Amino acid sequence: MNNKTINYYNKYTKSFIQTTRSVDFTNIQNKFLSYLPSGASILDFGCGSGRDTKYFLKRNYNVTAIDVSEEICKEASKYTGIKVKQIDRGMKYRIIHKNFKRAEEYVVRKAKKISEEYM
């Protein structure tokens, strides 16, 4: 994500949150959770307003929330009650898949299935 985009979200945080937080994603959230065991860990990468993070937390999932906009992270932290981490664009991230192989294919396949059902 480039600086122009980040600056946009930092500048328009309040309006972004007002237009996204109240959108009802209950069906999609519940479908997503149906693939996870109770209490699973969820990485909400690009958590935005914190809407989904809060939904998952209320259902006793362990959530790590991350976004690129400093201002959105602050607001999402207030809303969710957890520390929303700001992505450090200078660092490189690696994902370690301990419990299953070919995780990327699995996630893409499940995301496609969910989007086909609800979009």
PDB file of N, CA and C in Angstrom:
ATOM      1  N   MET A   1       0.858  -1.169   0.000  1.00  0.00           N
ATOM      2  CA  MET A   1       0.000   0.000   0.000  1.00  0.00           C
ATOM      3  C   MET A   1       0.903   1.231   0.000  1.00  0.00           C
ATOM      4  N   ASN A   2       0.583   2.189  -0.840  1.00  0.00           N
ATOM      5  CA  ASN A   2       1.453   3.360  -0.939  1.00  0.00           C
ATOM      6  C   ASN A   2       1.073   4.438   0.076  1.00  0.00           C
ATOM      7  N   ASN A   3       1.963   5.409   0.233  1.00  0.00           N
ATOM      8  CA  ASN A   3       1.748   6.475   1.217  1.00  0.00           C
ATOM      9  C   ASN A   3       0.486   7.277   0.937  1.00  0.00           C
ATOM     10  N   LYS A   4       0.143   7.456  -0.322  1.00  0.00           N
ATOM     11  CA  LYS A   4      -1.059   8.211  -0.677  1.00  0.00           C
ATOM     12  C   LYS A   4      -2.305   7.535  -0.093  1.00  0.00           C
ATOM     13  N   THR A   5      -2.358   6.227  -0.209  1.00  0.00           N
ATOM     14  CA  THR A   5      -3.495   5.475   0.332  1.00  0.00           C
ATOM     15  C   THR A   5      -3.520   5.549   1.854  1.00  0.00           C
ATOM     16  N   ILE A   6      -2.376   5.363   2.465  1.00  0.00           N
ATOM     17  CA  ILE A   6      -2.291   5.427   3.927  1.00  0.00           C
ATOM     18  C   ILE A   6      -2.699   6.811   4.416  1.00  0.00           C
ATOM     19  N   ASN A   7      -2.203   7.841   3.761  1.00  0.00           N
ATOM     20  CA  ASN A   7      -2.563   9.214   4.134  1.00  0.00           C
ATOM     21  C   ASN A   7      -4.063   9.449   4.006  1.00  0.00           C
ATOM     22  N   TYR A   8      -4.665   8.881   2.972  1.00  0.00           N
ATOM     23  CA  TYR A   8      -6.114   9.006   2.789  1.00  0.00           C
ATOM     24  C   TYR A   8      -6.854   8.425   3.994  1.00  0.00           C
ATOM     25  N   TYR A   9      -6.496   7.198   4.369  1.00  0.00           N
ATOM     26  CA  TYR A   9      -7.180   6.556   5.500  1.00  0.00           C
ATOM     27  C   TYR A   9      -6.907   7.284   6.809  1.00  0.00           C
ATOM     28  N   ASN A  10      -5.709   7.810   6.975  1.00  0.00           N
ATOM     29  CA  ASN A  10      -5.419   8.595   8.180  1.00  0.00           C
ATOM     30  C   ASN A  10      -6.258   9.865   8.224  1.00  0.00           C
ATOM     31  N   LYS A  11      -6.444  10.493   7.082  1.00  0.00           N
ATOM     32  CA  LYS A  11      -7.201  11.745   7.016  1.00  0.00           C
ATOM     33  C   LYS A  11      -8.702  11.527   7.167  1.00  0.00           C
ATOM     34  N   TYR A  12      -9.226  10.468   6.579  1.00  0.00           N
ATOM     35  CA  TYR A  12     -10.675  10.245   6.552  1.00  0.00           C
ATOM     36  C   TYR A  12     -11.117   9.079   7.441  1.00  0.00           C
ATOM     37  N   THR A  13     -10.398   8.869   8.517  1.00  0.00           N
ATOM     38  CA  THR A  13     -10.692   7.759   9.429  1.00  0.00           C
ATOM     39  C   THR A  13     -12.133   7.779   9.920  1.00  0.00           C
ATOM     40  N   LYS A  14     -12.587   8.910  10.401  1.00  0.00           N
ATOM     41  CA  LYS A  14     -13.942   8.996  10.986  1.00  0.00           C
ATOM     42  C   LYS A  14     -15.011   8.620   9.965  1.00  0.00           C
ATOM     43  N   SER A  15     -14.929   9.169   8.751  1.00  0.00           N
ATOM     44  CA  SER A  15     -15.961   8.864   7.752  1.00  0.00           C
ATOM     45  C   SER A  15     -15.863   7.417   7.290  1.00  0.00           C
ATOM     46  N   PHE A  16     -14.640   6.878   7.189  1.00  0.00           N
ATOM     47  CA  PHE A  16     -14.479   5.470   6.826  1.00  0.00           C
ATOM     48  C   PHE A  16     -15.160   4.576   7.856  1.00  0.00           C
ATOM     49  N   ILE A  17     -14.912   4.861   9.116  1.00  0.00           N
ATOM     50  CA  ILE A  17     -15.499   4.055  10.185  1.00  0.00           C
ATOM     51  C   ILE A  17     -17.018   4.178  10.194  1.00  0.00           C
ATOM     52  N   GLN A  18     -17.533   5.377  10.028  1.00  0.00           N
ATOM     53  CA  GLN A  18     -18.987   5.579  10.023  1.00  0.00           C
ATOM     54  C   GLN A  18     -19.671   4.806   8.903  1.00  0.00           C
ATOM     55  N   THR A  19     -19.001   4.656   7.775  1.00  0.00           N
ATOM     56  CA  THR A  19     -19.642   3.974   6.645  1.00  0.00           C
ATOM     57  C   THR A  19     -19.391   2.476   6.614  1.00  0.00           C
ATOM     58  N   THR A  20     -18.481   1.975   7.421  1.00  0.00           N
ATOM     59  CA  THR A  20     -18.188   0.538   7.378  1.00  0.00           C
ATOM     60  C   THR A  20     -18.572  -0.226   8.638  1.00  0.00           C
ATOM     61  N   ARG A  21     -18.512   0.407   9.776  1.00  0.00           N
ATOM     62  CA  ARG A  21     -18.726  -0.311  11.031  1.00  0.00           C
ATOM     63  C   ARG A  21     -20.134  -0.875  11.159  1.00  0.00           C
ATOM     64  N   SER A  22     -21.116  -0.177  10.641  1.00  0.00           N
ATOM     65  CA  SER A  22     -22.504  -0.610  10.817  1.00  0.00           C
ATOM     66  C   SER A  22     -22.994  -1.560   9.726  1.00  0.00           C
ATOM     67  N   VAL A  23     -22.158  -1.877   8.747  1.00  0.00           N
ATOM     68  CA  VAL A  23     -22.563  -2.800   7.686  1.00  0.00           C
ATOM     69  C   VAL A  23     -22.714  -4.195   8.285  1.00  0.00           C
ATOM     70  N   ASP A  24     -23.843  -4.839   8.019  1.00  0.00           N
ATOM     71  CA  ASP A  24     -24.134  -6.155   8.595  1.00  0.00           C
ATOM     72  C   ASP A  24     -23.467  -7.263   7.779  1.00  0.00           C
ATOM     73  N   PHE A  25     -22.468  -7.880   8.370  1.00  0.00           N
ATOM     74  CA  PHE A  25     -21.758  -8.994   7.746  1.00  0.00           C
ATOM     75  C   PHE A  25     -22.002 -10.291   8.515  1.00  0.00           C
ATOM     76  N   THR A  26     -23.053 -10.328   9.307  1.00  0.00           N
ATOM     77  CA  THR A  26     -23.295 -11.468  10.193  1.00  0.00           C
ATOM     78  C   THR A  26     -23.283 -12.800   9.452  1.00  0.00           C
ATOM     79  N   ASN A  27     -23.949 -12.878   8.304  1.00  0.00           N
ATOM     80  CA  ASN A  27     -23.984 -14.147   7.562  1.00  0.00           C
ATOM     81  C   ASN A  27     -22.589 -14.589   7.138  1.00  0.00           C
ATOM     82  N   ILE A  28     -21.803 -13.662   6.638  1.00  0.00           N
ATOM     83  CA  ILE A  28     -20.447 -13.995   6.193  1.00  0.00           C
ATOM     84  C   ILE A  28     -19.555 -14.316   7.391  1.00  0.00           C
ATOM     85  N   GLN A  29     -19.679 -13.550   8.462  1.00  0.00           N
ATOM     86  CA  GLN A  29     -18.882 -13.814   9.662  1.00  0.00           C
ATOM     87  C   GLN A  29     -19.194 -15.203  10.218  1.00  0.00           C
ATOM     88  N   ASN A  30     -20.472 -15.538  10.295  1.00  0.00           N
ATOM     89  CA  ASN A  30     -20.860 -16.849  10.816  1.00  0.00           C
ATOM     90  C   ASN A  30     -20.395 -17.978   9.907  1.00  0.00           C
ATOM     91  N   LYS A  31     -20.460 -17.776   8.605  1.00  0.00           N
ATOM     92  CA  LYS A  31     -19.985 -18.791   7.664  1.00  0.00           C
ATOM     93  C   LYS A  31     -18.485 -19.002   7.860  1.00  0.00           C
ATOM     94  N   PHE A  32     -17.744 -17.913   7.981  1.00  0.00           N
ATOM     95  CA  PHE A  32     -16.305 -18.000   8.226  1.00  0.00           C
ATOM     96  C   PHE A  32     -16.029 -18.783   9.512  1.00  0.00           C
ATOM     97  N   LEU A  33     -16.745 -18.443  10.577  1.00  0.00           N
ATOM     98  CA  LEU A  33     -16.526 -19.113  11.862  1.00  0.00           C
ATOM     99  C   LEU A  33     -16.895 -20.589  11.817  1.00  0.00           C
ATOM    100  N   SER A  34     -17.786 -20.966  10.917  1.00  0.00           N
ATOM    101  CA  SER A  34     -18.187 -22.374  10.826  1.00  0.00           C
ATOM    102  C   SER A  34     -17.024 -23.276  10.404  1.00  0.00           C
ATOM    103  N   TYR A  35     -15.979 -22.700   9.839  1.00  0.00           N
ATOM    104  CA  TYR A  35     -14.804 -23.470   9.430  1.00  0.00           C
ATOM    105  C   TYR A  35     -13.760 -23.577  10.535  1.00  0.00           C
ATOM    106  N   LEU A  36     -14.001 -22.916  11.662  1.00  0.00           N
ATOM    107  CA  LEU A  36     -13.006 -22.869  12.733  1.00  0.00           C
ATOM    108  C   LEU A  36     -13.501 -23.573  13.983  1.00  0.00           C
ATOM    109  N   PRO A  37     -12.584 -24.164  14.743  1.00  0.00           N
ATOM    110  CA  PRO A  37     -12.987 -24.706  16.041  1.00  0.00           C
ATOM    111  C   PRO A  37     -13.240 -23.560  17.020  1.00  0.00           C
ATOM    112  N   SER A  38     -14.041 -23.805  18.018  1.00  0.00           N
ATOM    113  CA  SER A  38     -14.306 -22.792  19.044  1.00  0.00           C
ATOM    114  C   SER A  38     -12.999 -22.317  19.655  1.00  0.00           C
ATOM    115  N   GLY A  39     -12.904 -21.002  19.867  1.00  0.00           N
ATOM    116  CA  GLY A  39     -11.728 -20.436  20.505  1.00  0.00           C
ATOM    117  C   GLY A  39     -10.489 -20.370  19.638  1.00  0.00           C
ATOM    118  N   ALA A  40     -10.628 -20.610  18.344  1.00  0.00           N
ATOM    119  CA  ALA A  40      -9.477 -20.577  17.434  1.00  0.00           C
ATOM    120  C   ALA A  40      -8.851 -19.185  17.403  1.00  0.00           C
ATOM    121  N   SER A  41      -7.658 -19.109  16.886  1.00  0.00           N
ATOM    122  CA  SER A  41      -6.973 -17.832  16.709  1.00  0.00           C
ATOM    123  C   SER A  41      -7.247 -17.309  15.305  1.00  0.00           C
ATOM    124  N   ILE A  42      -7.559 -16.018  15.219  1.00  0.00           N
ATOM    125  CA  ILE A  42      -7.880 -15.378  13.945  1.00  0.00           C
ATOM    126  C   ILE A  42      -6.961 -14.181  13.763  1.00  0.00           C
ATOM    127  N   LEU A  43      -6.388 -14.053  12.575  1.00  0.00           N
ATOM    128  CA  LEU A  43      -5.631 -12.864  12.209  1.00  0.00           C
ATOM    129  C   LEU A  43      -6.531 -12.022  11.313  1.00  0.00           C
ATOM    130  N   ASP A  44      -6.955 -10.871  11.824  1.00  0.00           N
ATOM    131  CA  ASP A  44      -7.778  -9.943  11.038  1.00  0.00           C
ATOM    132  C   ASP A  44      -6.820  -8.939  10.407  1.00  0.00           C
ATOM    133  N   PHE A  45      -6.315  -9.293   9.243  1.00  0.00           N
ATOM    134  CA  PHE A  45      -5.302  -8.517   8.538  1.00  0.00           C
ATOM    135  C   PHE A  45      -5.997  -7.470   7.690  1.00  0.00           C
ATOM    136  N   GLY A  46      -5.789  -6.202   8.014  1.00  0.00           N
ATOM    137  CA  GLY A  46      -6.538  -5.126   7.359  1.00  0.00           C
ATOM    138  C   GLY A  46      -7.879  -4.982   8.046  1.00  0.00           C
ATOM    139  N   CYS A  47      -7.852  -4.889   9.364  1.00  0.00           N
ATOM    140  CA  CYS A  47      -9.073  -4.952  10.180  1.00  0.00           C
ATOM    141  C   CYS A  47      -9.974  -3.735  10.044  1.00  0.00           C
ATOM    142  N   GLY A  48      -9.458  -2.650   9.491  1.00  0.00           N
ATOM    143  CA  GLY A  48     -10.295  -1.463   9.290  1.00  0.00           C
ATOM    144  C   GLY A  48     -10.910  -0.979  10.583  1.00  0.00           C
ATOM    145  N   SER A  49     -12.211  -0.805  10.583  1.00  0.00           N
ATOM    146  CA  SER A  49     -12.924  -0.228  11.726  1.00  0.00           C
ATOM    147  C   SER A  49     -12.949  -1.128  12.957  1.00  0.00           C
ATOM    148  N   GLY A  50     -12.599  -2.388  12.794  1.00  0.00           N
ATOM    149  CA  GLY A  50     -12.631  -3.325  13.912  1.00  0.00           C
ATOM    150  C   GLY A  50     -13.942  -4.079  14.037  1.00  0.00           C
ATOM    151  N   ARG A  51     -14.832  -3.883  13.074  1.00  0.00           N
ATOM    152  CA  ARG A  51     -16.145  -4.520  13.112  1.00  0.00           C
ATOM    153  C   ARG A  51     -16.034  -6.041  13.259  1.00  0.00           C
ATOM    154  N   ASP A  52     -15.260  -6.672  12.383  1.00  0.00           N
ATOM    155  CA  ASP A  52     -15.152  -8.125  12.423  1.00  0.00           C
ATOM    156  C   ASP A  52     -14.377  -8.589  13.651  1.00  0.00           C
ATOM    157  N   THR A  53     -13.328  -7.873  13.988  1.00  0.00           N
ATOM    158  CA  THR A  53     -12.545  -8.211  15.177  1.00  0.00           C
ATOM    159  C   THR A  53     -13.440  -8.269  16.408  1.00  0.00           C
ATOM    160  N   LYS A  54     -14.256  -7.248  16.594  1.00  0.00           N
ATOM    161  CA  LYS A  54     -15.140  -7.201  17.762  1.00  0.00           C
ATOM    162  C   LYS A  54     -16.143  -8.353  17.735  1.00  0.00           C
ATOM    163  N   TYR A  55     -16.679  -8.646  16.576  1.00  0.00           N
ATOM    164  CA  TYR A  55     -17.637  -9.744  16.428  1.00  0.00           C
ATOM    165  C   TYR A  55     -16.998 -11.068  16.862  1.00  0.00           C
ATOM    166  N   PHE A  56     -15.774 -11.306  16.394  1.00  0.00           N
ATOM    167  CA  PHE A  56     -15.091 -12.552  16.735  1.00  0.00           C
ATOM    168  C   PHE A  56     -14.709 -12.595  18.215  1.00  0.00           C
ATOM    169  N   LEU A  57     -14.273 -11.493  18.761  1.00  0.00           N
ATOM    170  CA  LEU A  57     -13.929 -11.441  20.189  1.00  0.00           C
ATOM    171  C   LEU A  57     -15.136 -11.756  21.063  1.00  0.00           C
ATOM    172  N   LYS A  58     -16.294 -11.208  20.693  1.00  0.00           N
ATOM    173  CA  LYS A  58     -17.515 -11.454  21.471  1.00  0.00           C
ATOM    174  C   LYS A  58     -17.896 -12.929  21.473  1.00  0.00           C
ATOM    175  N   ARG A  59     -17.415 -13.667  20.503  1.00  0.00           N
ATOM    176  CA  ARG A  59     -17.719 -15.092  20.405  1.00  0.00           C
ATOM    177  C   ARG A  59     -16.552 -15.950  20.909  1.00  0.00           C
ATOM    178  N   ASN A  60     -15.692 -15.324  21.691  1.00  0.00           N
ATOM    179  CA  ASN A  60     -14.587 -15.997  22.386  1.00  0.00           C
ATOM    180  C   ASN A  60     -13.507 -16.571  21.475  1.00  0.00           C
ATOM    181  N   TYR A  61     -13.262 -15.912  20.349  1.00  0.00           N
ATOM    182  CA  TYR A  61     -12.123 -16.267  19.516  1.00  0.00           C
ATOM    183  C   TYR A  61     -10.943 -15.388  19.921  1.00  0.00           C
ATOM    184  N   ASN A  62      -9.749 -15.880  19.701  1.00  0.00           N
ATOM    185  CA  ASN A  62      -8.529 -15.112  19.964  1.00  0.00           C
ATOM    186  C   ASN A  62      -8.192 -14.353  18.690  1.00  0.00           C
ATOM    187  N   VAL A  63      -8.218 -13.037  18.751  1.00  0.00           N
ATOM    188  CA  VAL A  63      -8.049 -12.240  17.543  1.00  0.00           C
ATOM    189  C   VAL A  63      -6.825 -11.340  17.651  1.00  0.00           C
ATOM    190  N   THR A  64      -6.024 -11.359  16.613  1.00  0.00           N
ATOM    191  CA  THR A  64      -4.957 -10.388  16.421  1.00  0.00           C
ATOM    192  C   THR A  64      -5.402  -9.513  15.264  1.00  0.00           C
ATOM    193  N   ALA A  65      -5.485  -8.214  15.502  1.00  0.00           N
ATOM    194  CA  ALA A  65      -5.960  -7.278  14.480  1.00  0.00           C
ATOM    195  C   ALA A  65      -4.814  -6.378  14.035  1.00  0.00           C
ATOM    196  N   ILE A  66      -4.726  -6.183  12.722  1.00  0.00           N
ATOM    197  CA  ILE A  66      -3.639  -5.408  12.131  1.00  0.00           C
ATOM    198  C   ILE A  66      -4.201  -4.518  11.032  1.00  0.00           C
ATOM    199  N   ASP A  67      -3.678  -3.306  10.932  1.00  0.00           N
ATOM    200  CA  ASP A  67      -4.022  -2.434   9.807  1.00  0.00           C
ATOM    201  C   ASP A  67      -2.818  -1.548   9.506  1.00  0.00           C
ATOM    202  N   VAL A  68      -2.862  -0.851   8.386  1.00  0.00           N
ATOM    203  CA  VAL A  68      -1.736  -0.018   7.968  1.00  0.00           C
ATOM    204  C   VAL A  68      -1.875   1.434   8.425  1.00  0.00           C
ATOM    205  N   SER A  69      -3.094   1.907   8.617  1.00  0.00           N
ATOM    206  CA  SER A  69      -3.337   3.298   8.993  1.00  0.00           C
ATOM    207  C   SER A  69      -3.213   3.483  10.504  1.00  0.00           C
ATOM    208  N   GLU A  70      -2.354   4.390  10.902  1.00  0.00           N
ATOM    209  CA  GLU A  70      -2.164   4.660  12.328  1.00  0.00           C
ATOM    210  C   GLU A  70      -3.464   5.113  12.987  1.00  0.00           C
ATOM    211  N   GLU A  71      -4.188   5.998  12.325  1.00  0.00           N
ATOM    212  CA  GLU A  71      -5.432   6.527  12.895  1.00  0.00           C
ATOM    213  C   GLU A  71      -6.511   5.453  12.983  1.00  0.00           C
ATOM    214  N   ILE A  72      -6.608   4.626  11.977  1.00  0.00           N
ATOM    215  CA  ILE A  72      -7.592   3.538  12.021  1.00  0.00           C
ATOM    216  C   ILE A  72      -7.234   2.557  13.131  1.00  0.00           C
ATOM    217  N   CYS A  73      -5.955   2.279  13.314  1.00  0.00           N
ATOM    218  CA  CYS A  73      -5.537   1.395  14.411  1.00  0.00           C
ATOM    219  C   CYS A  73      -5.970   1.952  15.761  1.00  0.00           C
ATOM    220  N   LYS A  74      -5.806   3.252  15.947  1.00  0.00           N
ATOM    221  CA  LYS A  74      -6.214   3.882  17.210  1.00  0.00           C
ATOM    222  C   LYS A  74      -7.712   3.725  17.441  1.00  0.00           C
ATOM    223  N   GLU A  75      -8.503   4.031  16.426  1.00  0.00           N
ATOM    224  CA  GLU A  75      -9.962   3.953  16.567  1.00  0.00           C
ATOM    225  C   GLU A  75     -10.436   2.511  16.735  1.00  0.00           C
ATOM    226  N   ALA A  76      -9.849   1.603  15.979  1.00  0.00           N
ATOM    227  CA  ALA A  76     -10.232   0.191  16.096  1.00  0.00           C
ATOM    228  C   ALA A  76      -9.848  -0.358  17.464  1.00  0.00           C
ATOM    229  N   SER A  77      -8.732   0.095  18.014  1.00  0.00           N
ATOM    230  CA  SER A  77      -8.328  -0.331  19.362  1.00  0.00           C
ATOM    231  C   SER A  77      -9.352   0.109  20.398  1.00  0.00           C
ATOM    232  N   LYS A  78      -9.795   1.357  20.289  1.00  0.00           N
ATOM    233  CA  LYS A  78     -10.821   1.856  21.218  1.00  0.00           C
ATOM    234  C   LYS A  78     -12.103   1.039  21.097  1.00  0.00           C
ATOM    235  N   TYR A  79     -12.509   0.753  19.882  1.00  0.00           N
ATOM    236  CA  TYR A  79     -13.777   0.062  19.627  1.00  0.00           C
ATOM    237  C   TYR A  79     -13.746  -1.397  20.082  1.00  0.00           C
ATOM    238  N   THR A  80     -12.636  -2.071  19.847  1.00  0.00           N
ATOM    239  CA  THR A  80     -12.571  -3.504  20.131  1.00  0.00           C
ATOM    240  C   THR A  80     -12.102  -3.824  21.541  1.00  0.00           C
ATOM    241  N   GLY A  81     -11.387  -2.880  22.152  1.00  0.00           N
ATOM    242  CA  GLY A  81     -10.845  -3.142  23.478  1.00  0.00           C
ATOM    243  C   GLY A  81      -9.532  -3.905  23.460  1.00  0.00           C
ATOM    244  N   ILE A  82      -8.975  -4.139  22.283  1.00  0.00           N
ATOM    245  CA  ILE A  82      -7.661  -4.781  22.187  1.00  0.00           C
ATOM    246  C   ILE A  82      -6.720  -3.856  21.424  1.00  0.00           C
ATOM    247  N   LYS A  83      -5.443  -4.093  21.565  1.00  0.00           N
ATOM    248  CA  LYS A  83      -4.443  -3.312  20.839  1.00  0.00           C
ATOM    249  C   LYS A  83      -4.430  -3.764  19.382  1.00  0.00           C
ATOM    250  N   VAL A  84      -4.769  -2.857  18.483  1.00  0.00           N
ATOM    251  CA  VAL A  84      -4.686  -3.141  17.053  1.00  0.00           C
ATOM    252  C   VAL A  84      -3.301  -2.711  16.603  1.00  0.00           C
ATOM    253  N   LYS A  85      -2.582  -3.630  16.014  1.00  0.00           N
ATOM    254  CA  LYS A  85      -1.196  -3.379  15.636  1.00  0.00           C
ATOM    255  C   LYS A  85      -1.123  -2.697  14.272  1.00  0.00           C
ATOM    256  N   GLN A  86      -0.209  -1.751  14.169  1.00  0.00           N
ATOM    257  CA  GLN A  86       0.011  -1.093  12.883  1.00  0.00           C
ATOM    258  C   GLN A  86       1.073  -1.865  12.112  1.00  0.00           C
ATOM    259  N   ILE A  87       0.796  -2.130  10.861  1.00  0.00           N
ATOM    260  CA  ILE A  87       1.742  -2.830  10.009  1.00  0.00           C
ATOM    261  C   ILE A  87       2.980  -1.965   9.823  1.00  0.00           C
ATOM    262  N   ASP A  88       4.120  -2.572  10.007  1.00  0.00           N
ATOM    263  CA  ASP A  88       5.384  -1.907   9.733  1.00  0.00           C
ATOM    264  C   ASP A  88       5.768  -2.271   8.308  1.00  0.00           C
ATOM    265  N   ARG A  89       5.567  -1.328   7.399  1.00  0.00           N
ATOM    266  CA  ARG A  89       5.776  -1.616   5.983  1.00  0.00           C
ATOM    267  C   ARG A  89       7.231  -1.901   5.637  1.00  0.00           C
ATOM    268  N   GLY A  90       8.151  -1.547   6.509  1.00  0.00           N
ATOM    269  CA  GLY A  90       9.557  -1.792   6.230  1.00  0.00           C
ATOM    270  C   GLY A  90       9.999  -3.202   6.567  1.00  0.00           C
ATOM    271  N   MET A  91       9.192  -3.902   7.308  1.00  0.00           N
ATOM    272  CA  MET A  91       9.555  -5.254   7.715  1.00  0.00           C
ATOM    273  C   MET A  91       9.001  -6.272   6.738  1.00  0.00           C
ATOM    274  N   LYS A  92       9.618  -7.425   6.745  1.00  0.00           N
ATOM    275  CA  LYS A  92       9.115  -8.534   5.938  1.00  0.00           C
ATOM    276  C   LYS A  92       8.438  -9.503   6.889  1.00  0.00           C
ATOM    277  N   TYR A  93       7.336 -10.053   6.451  1.00  0.00           N
ATOM    278  CA  TYR A  93       6.571 -10.976   7.278  1.00  0.00           C
ATOM    279  C   TYR A  93       6.556 -12.347   6.631  1.00  0.00           C
ATOM    280  N   ARG A  94       6.640 -13.339   7.442  1.00  0.00           N
ATOM    281  CA  ARG A  94       6.505 -14.713   6.972  1.00  0.00           C
ATOM    282  C   ARG A  94       5.405 -15.361   7.793  1.00  0.00           C
ATOM    283  N   ILE A  95       4.651 -16.180   7.140  1.00  0.00           N
ATOM    284  CA  ILE A  95       3.588 -16.895   7.838  1.00  0.00           C
ATOM    285  C   ILE A  95       4.037 -18.336   7.992  1.00  0.00           C
ATOM    286  N   ILE A  96       3.992 -18.822   9.196  1.00  0.00           N
ATOM    287  CA  ILE A  96       4.361 -20.208   9.464  1.00  0.00           C
ATOM    288  C   ILE A  96       3.076 -20.998   9.657  1.00  0.00           C
ATOM    289  N   HIS A  97       2.955 -22.047   8.889  1.00  0.00           N
ATOM    290  CA  HIS A  97       1.762 -22.892   8.967  1.00  0.00           C
ATOM    291  C   HIS A  97       2.151 -24.182   9.683  1.00  0.00           C
ATOM    292  N   LYS A  98       1.819 -24.246  10.934  1.00  0.00           N
ATOM    293  CA  LYS A  98       2.218 -25.393  11.742  1.00  0.00           C
ATOM    294  C   LYS A  98       1.255 -26.562  11.601  1.00  0.00           C
ATOM    295  N   ASN A  99      -0.026 -26.276  11.469  1.00  0.00           N
ATOM    296  CA  ASN A  99      -1.019 -27.339  11.566  1.00  0.00           C
ATOM    297  C   ASN A  99      -1.450 -27.955  10.246  1.00  0.00           C
ATOM    298  N   PHE A 100      -1.187 -27.291   9.138  1.00  0.00           N
ATOM    299  CA  PHE A 100      -1.577 -27.908   7.879  1.00  0.00           C
ATOM    300  C   PHE A 100      -0.729 -27.385   6.728  1.00  0.00           C
ATOM    301  N   LYS A 101      -0.634 -28.215   5.708  1.00  0.00           N
ATOM    302  CA  LYS A 101       0.164 -27.869   4.534  1.00  0.00           C
ATOM    303  C   LYS A 101      -0.700 -27.143   3.514  1.00  0.00           C
ATOM    304  N   ARG A 102      -0.048 -26.421   2.641  1.00  0.00           N
ATOM    305  CA  ARG A 102      -0.716 -25.734   1.536  1.00  0.00           C
ATOM    306  C   ARG A 102      -1.826 -24.816   2.041  1.00  0.00           C
ATOM    307  N   ALA A 103      -1.534 -24.073   3.083  1.00  0.00           N
ATOM    308  CA  ALA A 103      -2.533 -23.210   3.723  1.00  0.00           C
ATOM    309  C   ALA A 103      -3.063 -22.143   2.782  1.00  0.00           C
ATOM    310  N   GLU A 104      -2.201 -21.584   1.948  1.00  0.00           N
ATOM    311  CA  GLU A 104      -2.658 -20.524   1.050  1.00  0.00           C
ATOM    312  C   GLU A 104      -3.756 -21.039   0.117  1.00  0.00           C
ATOM    313  N   GLU A 105      -3.559 -22.224  -0.440  1.00  0.00           N
ATOM    314  CA  GLU A 105      -4.580 -22.796  -1.318  1.00  0.00           C
ATOM    315  C   GLU A 105      -5.887 -23.015  -0.555  1.00  0.00           C
ATOM    316  N   TYR A 106      -5.765 -23.495   0.665  1.00  0.00           N
ATOM    317  CA  TYR A 106      -6.940 -23.742   1.494  1.00  0.00           C
ATOM    318  C   TYR A 106      -7.710 -22.449   1.754  1.00  0.00           C
ATOM    319  N   VAL A 107      -6.996 -21.402   2.161  1.00  0.00           N
ATOM    320  CA  VAL A 107      -7.642 -20.128   2.474  1.00  0.00           C
ATOM    321  C   VAL A 107      -8.300 -19.545   1.230  1.00  0.00           C
ATOM    322  N   VAL A 108      -7.603 -19.572   0.106  1.00  0.00           N
ATOM    323  CA  VAL A 108      -8.164 -19.034  -1.141  1.00  0.00           C
ATOM    324  C   VAL A 108      -9.406 -19.813  -1.544  1.00  0.00           C
ATOM    325  N   ARG A 109      -9.339 -21.119  -1.443  1.00  0.00           N
ATOM    326  CA  ARG A 109     -10.486 -21.965  -1.812  1.00  0.00           C
ATOM    327  C   ARG A 109     -11.691 -21.657  -0.920  1.00  0.00           C
ATOM    328  N   LYS A 110     -11.479 -21.544   0.374  1.00  0.00           N
ATOM    329  CA  LYS A 110     -12.581 -21.253   1.295  1.00  0.00           C
ATOM    330  C   LYS A 110     -13.130 -19.849   1.078  1.00  0.00           C
ATOM    331  N   ALA A 111     -12.248 -18.877   0.862  1.00  0.00           N
ATOM    332  CA  ALA A 111     -12.702 -17.503   0.616  1.00  0.00           C
ATOM    333  C   ALA A 111     -13.534 -17.434  -0.658  1.00  0.00           C
ATOM    334  N   LYS A 112     -13.114 -18.149  -1.677  1.00  0.00           N
ATOM    335  CA  LYS A 112     -13.868 -18.169  -2.942  1.00  0.00           C
ATOM    336  C   LYS A 112     -15.246 -18.784  -2.722  1.00  0.00           C
ATOM    337  N   LYS A 113     -15.299 -19.876  -1.978  1.00  0.00           N
ATOM    338  CA  LYS A 113     -16.573 -20.533  -1.707  1.00  0.00           C
ATOM    339  C   LYS A 113     -17.517 -19.607  -0.945  1.00  0.00           C
ATOM    340  N   ILE A 114     -17.002 -18.933   0.070  1.00  0.00           N
ATOM    341  CA  ILE A 114     -17.827 -18.012   0.848  1.00  0.00           C
ATOM    342  C   ILE A 114     -18.323 -16.871  -0.025  1.00  0.00           C
ATOM    343  N   SER A 115     -17.434 -16.303  -0.842  1.00  0.00           N
ATOM    344  CA  SER A 115     -17.856 -15.172  -1.678  1.00  0.00           C
ATOM    345  C   SER A 115     -18.878 -15.598  -2.720  1.00  0.00           C
ATOM    346  N   GLU A 116     -18.766 -16.809  -3.242  1.00  0.00           N
ATOM    347  CA  GLU A 116     -19.751 -17.298  -4.215  1.00  0.00           C
ATOM    348  C   GLU A 116     -21.118 -17.479  -3.564  1.00  0.00           C
ATOM    349  N   GLU A 117     -21.129 -17.887  -2.321  1.00  0.00           N
ATOM    350  CA  GLU A 117     -22.391 -18.115  -1.623  1.00  0.00           C
ATOM    351  C   GLU A 117     -23.085 -16.826  -1.215  1.00  0.00           C
ATOM    352  N   TYR A 118     -22.306 -15.781  -0.910  1.00  0.00           N
ATOM    353  CA  TYR A 118     -22.894 -14.576  -0.335  1.00  0.00           C
ATOM    354  C   TYR A 118     -22.796 -13.331  -1.192  1.00  0.00           C
ATOM    355  N   MET A 119     -22.128 -13.402  -2.304  1.00  0.00           N
ATOM    356  CA  MET A 119     -21.983 -12.196  -3.131  1.00  0.00           C
ATOM    357  C   MET A 119     -22.818 -12.303  -4.389  1.00  0.00           C
TER     358      MET A 119
END
